[in-house]
Amino acid sequence: MVVVGVVVGVAVGVAVAVAVVVAVGVAVAVAVVVAVVVVVGVKMIYRTNDVTKWTQAVIADSQVLPGLETMTGADLLVSPLSQPRMSIVNESLPSRTALHKHLRDGLLVQVKRGRDFTSSIPDLEEILFRMREHTSRPWLLIVADLKANREGQCIVDGQDSGFSWNAVDGALCWWQLRGGMVSILGRDGLIGEWVKCWVMRLERLAKEPAKQIIRPTQQILFRSDPRLDILAQFPLLGAERARALLDSQGTLANCLTYLSDRHSPEYCKVAGIGGGIIEKSIQLLGLGENEILFRTSIQEEANE
């Protein structure tokens, strides 16, 4: 009887030990699975370092991406993708490739809060032009309480904006007619939820591409300048410098001459274009040490 009792006791002890091991193993496995889900499920929300634009909720759920505004003209990039991760946006091929992947499925947003929106109305066309280079759905997010008073003036957050309501409405209409989208939030506290909702929408659109919104009529109304399209492809030039160069030189031919001559900045300074960009352009054009492009006319001699 004693022996039997010992055996039974040992068996029970082993069963308990096994149960503990199994329980611990399951707990560890569950913990590992949860950890993997959390890591993989992280979505990319990138923003500029201008803290005046963001609430604490957005700051906590996003990360600063240097170069985002310089490259795209936008303040916020919401992506449903967890990879590739970006730490900076610049002209390098890996950076541009990563940015393109996030923009393909993501949302590029220009954020305007309060009176910053109305003061930026003259610049909206340029902002939209830069964003349209990178995305087919440039989004303008306005965070302000917009109203019209009896005199037809636009009141922003209880203060006179200096713009008429018609001017503000016209700016928003033209943004949309040129292919942009607009959202208006009445107060700062709604920004965080707006971003989270877009993360979920983008995830759904990525899984169900047939539900993508196509706006062919509006897109047609936005005509890009083919001269700027060509110049913007030159190394380090980009859309903003390309426009400054075209405004300065007048024609595409003159722009190419400018970019082929190392001495161009000496006799005609264009903002943002220095020796480094000229050297890269000369290499792209395949010119030798003492070669430049220039305009000339060819006239046939009259037959006598």
Protein backbone atom coordinates (compact mmCIF):
# COMPACT_ATOMS: atom_id res chain seq x y z
CA MET A 1 0.00 0.00 0.00
CA VAL A 2 2.83 2.34 0.81
CA VAL A 3 4.58 1.63 -2.46
CA VAL A 4 1.42 2.24 -4.40
CA GLY A 5 0.91 5.49 -2.62
CA VAL A 6 4.39 6.66 -3.51
CA VAL A 7 3.90 5.75 -7.15
CA VAL A 8 0.62 7.58 -7.29
CA GLY A 9 2.17 10.58 -5.61
CA VAL A 10 5.04 10.63 -8.09
CA ALA A 11 2.63 10.32 -11.01
CA VAL A 12 0.58 13.21 -9.74
CA GLY A 13 3.72 15.29 -9.25
CA VAL A 14 4.89 14.55 -12.78
CA ALA A 15 1.46 15.41 -14.18
CA VAL A 16 1.51 18.71 -12.33
CA ALA A 17 5.03 19.46 -13.56
CA VAL A 18 4.04 18.62 -17.13
CA ALA A 19 0.98 20.79 -16.82
CA VAL A 20 3.11 23.66 -15.55
CA VAL A 21 5.60 23.23 -18.40
CA VAL A 22 2.80 23.06 -20.96
CA ALA A 23 1.12 26.11 -19.46
CA VAL A 24 4.37 28.06 -19.47
CA GLY A 25 5.10 26.92 -23.02
CA VAL A 26 1.68 28.04 -24.21
CA ALA A 27 2.07 31.37 -22.45
CA VAL A 28 5.46 31.92 -24.06
CA ALA A 29 4.10 30.92 -27.47
CA VAL A 30 1.17 33.28 -27.08
CA ALA A 31 3.50 36.06 -26.00
CA VAL A 32 5.71 35.47 -29.03
CA VAL A 33 2.71 35.49 -31.38
CA VAL A 34 1.37 38.69 -29.83
CA ALA A 35 4.79 40.32 -30.10
CA VAL A 36 5.05 39.35 -33.77
CA VAL A 37 1.58 40.68 -34.50
CA VAL A 38 2.38 43.97 -32.80
CA VAL A 39 5.61 44.42 -34.73
CA VAL A 40 4.18 43.43 -38.10
CA GLY A 41 1.00 45.42 -37.53
CA VAL A 42 2.81 48.74 -37.00
CA LYS A 43 1.86 51.15 -39.78
CA MET A 44 4.04 53.96 -41.00
CA ILE A 45 2.94 57.49 -40.11
CA TYR A 46 5.62 60.00 -41.04
CA ARG A 47 5.51 63.73 -40.33
CA THR A 48 7.60 66.90 -40.39
CA ASN A 49 9.33 68.18 -37.28
CA ASP A 50 7.07 71.25 -37.04
CA VAL A 51 5.44 70.52 -33.68
CA THR A 52 3.03 73.46 -34.08
CA LYS A 53 1.08 71.36 -36.60
CA TRP A 54 0.59 68.28 -34.45
CA THR A 55 -1.32 67.22 -31.37
CA GLN A 56 0.30 64.94 -28.80
CA ALA A 57 -1.75 62.02 -30.12
CA VAL A 58 -0.24 62.38 -33.60
CA ILE A 59 3.27 62.91 -32.22
CA ALA A 60 2.99 59.75 -30.13
CA ASP A 61 1.82 57.59 -33.07
CA SER A 62 4.19 58.92 -35.73
CA GLN A 63 7.83 59.59 -36.42
CA VAL A 64 9.72 62.55 -37.86
CA LEU A 65 10.93 62.04 -41.43
CA PRO A 66 13.58 64.61 -42.42
CA GLY A 67 13.29 65.72 -46.03
CA LEU A 68 9.59 64.86 -46.41
CA GLU A 69 8.41 68.43 -46.98
CA THR A 70 11.46 69.37 -49.04
CA MET A 71 10.96 66.46 -51.42
CA THR A 72 7.16 66.29 -51.66
CA GLY A 73 5.74 69.59 -50.37
CA ALA A 74 3.68 67.66 -47.81
CA ASP A 75 3.69 67.55 -44.00
CA LEU A 76 2.32 64.06 -43.42
CA LEU A 77 2.61 60.63 -45.02
CA VAL A 78 0.20 57.92 -43.88
CA SER A 79 1.02 54.45 -45.16
CA PRO A 80 -0.65 51.06 -44.58
CA LEU A 81 2.73 49.37 -45.08
CA SER A 82 5.06 48.33 -42.27
CA GLN A 83 8.06 48.06 -44.59
CA PRO A 84 10.35 49.51 -45.83
CA ARG A 85 11.19 51.78 -42.92
CA MET A 86 12.48 55.25 -43.74
CA SER A 87 14.75 57.50 -41.68
CA ILE A 88 15.25 60.28 -44.25
CA VAL A 89 14.02 61.35 -47.68
CA ASN A 90 16.64 62.48 -50.17
CA GLU A 91 17.73 62.01 -53.79
CA SER A 92 19.40 58.64 -53.22
CA LEU A 93 17.95 55.66 -55.06
CA PRO A 94 17.13 53.60 -51.92
CA SER A 95 15.34 56.58 -50.38
CA ARG A 96 13.33 57.36 -53.51
CA THR A 97 12.42 53.68 -53.95
CA ALA A 98 11.17 53.38 -50.37
CA LEU A 99 9.20 56.62 -50.67
CA HIS A 100 7.59 55.44 -53.90
CA LYS A 101 6.42 52.20 -52.28
CA HIS A 102 4.74 54.03 -49.40
CA LEU A 103 3.19 56.63 -51.71
CA ARG A 104 1.79 53.94 -54.00
CA ASP A 105 -0.52 52.71 -51.24
CA GLY A 106 -0.41 55.67 -48.87
CA LEU A 107 -1.73 59.19 -48.43
CA LEU A 108 0.30 62.38 -48.82
CA VAL A 109 -1.13 65.26 -46.79
CA GLN A 110 -0.54 69.01 -46.55
CA VAL A 111 -1.74 70.23 -43.14
CA LYS A 112 -2.90 73.80 -42.52
CA ARG A 113 -4.02 74.89 -39.08
CA GLY A 114 -5.95 78.07 -38.25
CA ARG A 115 -4.95 81.23 -40.07
CA ASP A 116 -1.95 79.46 -41.58
CA PHE A 117 -4.46 78.08 -44.08
CA THR A 118 -5.72 81.45 -45.36
CA SER A 119 -2.24 82.99 -45.37
CA SER A 120 -1.13 80.07 -47.58
CA ILE A 121 -3.86 80.51 -50.19
CA PRO A 122 -1.48 82.23 -52.67
CA ASP A 123 0.91 79.25 -52.36
CA LEU A 124 -1.62 76.42 -52.76
CA GLU A 125 -1.03 76.06 -56.50
CA GLU A 126 2.71 75.56 -56.00
CA ILE A 127 2.12 73.13 -53.12
CA LEU A 128 -0.31 71.10 -55.22
CA PHE A 129 2.12 71.06 -58.15
CA ARG A 130 4.86 69.60 -55.97
CA MET A 131 2.59 67.01 -54.36
CA ARG A 132 1.17 65.91 -57.73
CA GLU A 133 4.68 64.89 -58.76
CA HIS A 134 4.56 62.15 -56.13
CA THR A 135 0.92 61.13 -55.70
CA SER A 136 -2.35 60.95 -57.61
CA ARG A 137 -4.32 61.96 -54.51
CA PRO A 138 -2.74 65.01 -52.85
CA TRP A 139 -4.72 65.75 -49.68
CA LEU A 140 -5.23 69.14 -48.06
CA LEU A 141 -6.18 68.83 -44.39
CA ILE A 142 -7.51 72.07 -42.88
CA VAL A 143 -7.79 72.22 -39.11
CA ALA A 144 -9.80 75.36 -38.38
CA ASP A 145 -13.24 76.69 -37.58
CA LEU A 146 -14.22 78.45 -40.81
CA LYS A 147 -17.18 80.80 -40.93
CA ALA A 148 -18.46 83.74 -42.97
CA ASN A 149 -19.62 86.96 -41.32
CA ARG A 150 -22.36 89.27 -42.56
CA GLU A 151 -19.87 91.25 -44.64
CA GLY A 152 -18.84 88.13 -46.54
CA GLN A 153 -15.42 87.88 -44.89
CA CYS A 154 -13.93 84.56 -43.81
CA ILE A 155 -13.55 84.19 -40.05
CA VAL A 156 -10.95 81.65 -38.91
CA ASP A 157 -11.11 80.45 -35.32
CA GLY A 158 -13.05 83.57 -34.39
CA GLN A 159 -10.63 86.02 -36.05
CA ASP A 160 -10.80 87.94 -39.32
CA SER A 161 -8.64 86.16 -41.89
CA GLY A 162 -8.24 89.09 -44.25
CA PHE A 163 -9.84 87.05 -47.05
CA SER A 164 -13.36 87.05 -48.35
CA TRP A 165 -15.38 83.86 -48.09
CA ASN A 166 -15.55 83.68 -51.89
CA ALA A 167 -11.76 83.78 -52.09
CA VAL A 168 -11.42 80.90 -49.62
CA ASP A 169 -14.14 78.88 -51.33
CA GLY A 170 -12.54 79.53 -54.72
CA ALA A 171 -9.15 78.33 -53.50
CA LEU A 172 -10.68 75.09 -52.23
CA CYS A 173 -12.63 74.57 -55.45
CA TRP A 174 -9.55 75.02 -57.61
CA TRP A 175 -7.53 72.65 -55.43
CA GLN A 176 -10.12 69.95 -56.07
CA LEU A 177 -10.63 70.74 -59.76
CA ARG A 178 -6.88 70.30 -60.26
CA GLY A 179 -7.05 66.81 -58.79
CA GLY A 180 -6.59 67.42 -55.05
CA MET A 181 -8.76 66.32 -52.14
CA VAL A 182 -9.81 68.33 -49.08
CA SER A 183 -10.84 67.54 -45.50
CA ILE A 184 -11.82 70.16 -42.93
CA LEU A 185 -11.66 69.47 -39.19
CA GLY A 186 -13.19 71.98 -36.80
CA ARG A 187 -10.70 71.48 -33.95
CA ASP A 188 -7.26 70.06 -33.15
CA GLY A 189 -8.56 67.13 -31.13
CA LEU A 190 -9.90 65.47 -34.27
CA ILE A 191 -6.54 65.14 -36.04
CA GLY A 192 -5.47 61.95 -34.28
CA GLU A 193 -8.71 60.11 -35.07
CA TRP A 194 -8.61 61.36 -38.66
CA VAL A 195 -5.16 59.83 -39.13
CA LYS A 196 -6.20 56.52 -37.51
CA CYS A 197 -9.29 56.30 -39.72
CA TRP A 198 -7.16 56.80 -42.80
CA VAL A 199 -4.80 54.03 -41.74
CA MET A 200 -7.78 51.65 -41.69
CA ARG A 201 -9.14 52.95 -45.01
CA LEU A 202 -5.77 52.53 -46.70
CA GLU A 203 -5.43 49.00 -45.38
CA ARG A 204 -8.81 48.17 -46.87
CA LEU A 205 -7.98 49.81 -50.20
CA ALA A 206 -4.72 47.85 -50.36
CA LYS A 207 -6.66 44.60 -49.90
CA GLU A 208 -9.53 45.61 -52.21
CA PRO A 209 -7.95 47.63 -55.05
CA ALA A 210 -11.21 47.50 -57.02
CA LYS A 211 -12.57 50.02 -54.54
CA GLN A 212 -9.95 52.62 -55.45
CA ILE A 213 -11.49 55.98 -56.32
CA ILE A 214 -10.76 57.17 -59.85
CA ARG A 215 -11.34 60.83 -60.83
CA PRO A 216 -10.46 61.09 -64.55
CA THR A 217 -12.38 64.32 -65.20
CA GLN A 218 -10.70 66.27 -62.42
CA GLN A 219 -7.26 64.89 -63.26
CA ILE A 220 -7.53 66.19 -66.82
CA LEU A 221 -8.01 69.73 -65.55
CA PHE A 222 -4.49 69.72 -64.11
CA ARG A 223 -2.01 70.19 -66.96
CA SER A 224 1.66 69.86 -66.12
CA ASP A 225 4.27 71.80 -68.08
CA PRO A 226 6.33 69.29 -70.11
CA ARG A 227 9.34 71.61 -69.89
CA LEU A 228 9.23 71.40 -66.10
CA ASP A 229 8.75 67.64 -66.29
CA ILE A 230 12.03 67.37 -68.23
CA LEU A 231 14.01 69.76 -66.03
CA ALA A 232 12.76 68.21 -62.79
CA GLN A 233 14.46 64.93 -63.79
CA PHE A 234 17.93 66.51 -63.66
CA PRO A 235 19.92 65.40 -60.58
CA LEU A 236 19.18 67.44 -57.44
CA LEU A 237 17.08 69.93 -59.40
CA GLY A 238 13.51 68.99 -58.51
CA ALA A 239 10.27 70.84 -59.28
CA GLU A 240 10.88 74.03 -57.32
CA ARG A 241 14.35 74.74 -58.73
CA ALA A 242 13.17 73.70 -62.20
CA ARG A 243 10.45 76.33 -62.11
CA ALA A 244 12.89 79.00 -60.87
CA LEU A 245 15.28 78.10 -63.68
CA LEU A 246 12.57 78.22 -66.35
CA ASP A 247 11.31 81.56 -65.03
CA SER A 248 14.85 82.91 -65.25
CA GLN A 249 15.84 81.52 -68.66
CA GLY A 250 12.50 81.57 -70.46
CA THR A 251 12.92 78.53 -72.71
CA LEU A 252 13.91 74.90 -72.30
CA ALA A 253 16.84 75.40 -74.70
CA ASN A 254 18.22 78.25 -72.58
CA CYS A 255 17.79 76.12 -69.45
CA LEU A 256 19.84 73.31 -70.99
CA THR A 257 22.55 75.79 -71.94
CA TYR A 258 22.56 77.10 -68.38
CA LEU A 259 22.88 73.60 -66.92
CA SER A 260 25.73 72.74 -69.30
CA ASP A 261 27.96 75.71 -68.40
CA ARG A 262 30.05 75.66 -65.21
CA HIS A 263 30.17 79.46 -65.24
CA SER A 264 26.40 79.96 -65.40
CA PRO A 265 25.98 80.85 -61.69
CA GLU A 266 28.62 83.57 -62.14
CA TYR A 267 26.72 85.58 -64.72
CA CYS A 268 23.14 84.66 -63.77
CA LYS A 269 22.35 83.45 -60.27
CA VAL A 270 19.26 81.24 -59.90
CA ALA A 271 18.17 80.54 -56.33
CA GLY A 272 19.14 77.05 -55.20
CA ILE A 273 21.25 76.19 -58.26
CA GLY A 274 24.99 76.12 -57.67
CA GLY A 275 28.10 74.40 -58.89
CA GLY A 276 27.09 70.99 -57.54
CA ILE A 277 23.89 70.82 -59.58
CA ILE A 278 25.69 72.14 -62.68
CA GLU A 279 28.35 69.43 -62.39
CA LYS A 280 25.73 66.70 -62.05
CA SER A 281 23.87 68.09 -65.07
CA ILE A 282 27.04 68.17 -67.17
CA GLN A 283 27.65 64.52 -66.33
CA LEU A 284 24.06 63.65 -67.25
CA LEU A 285 24.40 65.45 -70.59
CA GLY A 286 27.66 63.62 -71.32
CA LEU A 287 29.67 66.77 -71.98
CA GLY A 288 33.45 66.98 -71.97
CA GLU A 289 35.70 69.34 -70.04
CA ASN A 290 35.35 72.33 -72.38
CA GLU A 291 31.99 71.53 -73.97
CA ILE A 292 28.67 73.32 -73.48
CA LEU A 293 25.30 73.32 -75.20
CA PHE A 294 24.28 76.52 -76.93
CA ARG A 295 21.71 77.76 -79.41
CA THR A 296 22.72 78.50 -82.99
CA SER A 297 21.02 78.84 -86.33
CA ILE A 298 21.95 77.02 -89.51
CA GLN A 299 21.55 78.97 -92.69
CA GLU A 300 22.01 77.53 -96.14
CA GLU A 301 24.01 79.60 -98.53
CA ALA A 302 22.01 80.74 -101.50
CA ASN A 303 22.89 78.96 -104.71
CA GLU A 304 24.49 81.36 -107.05
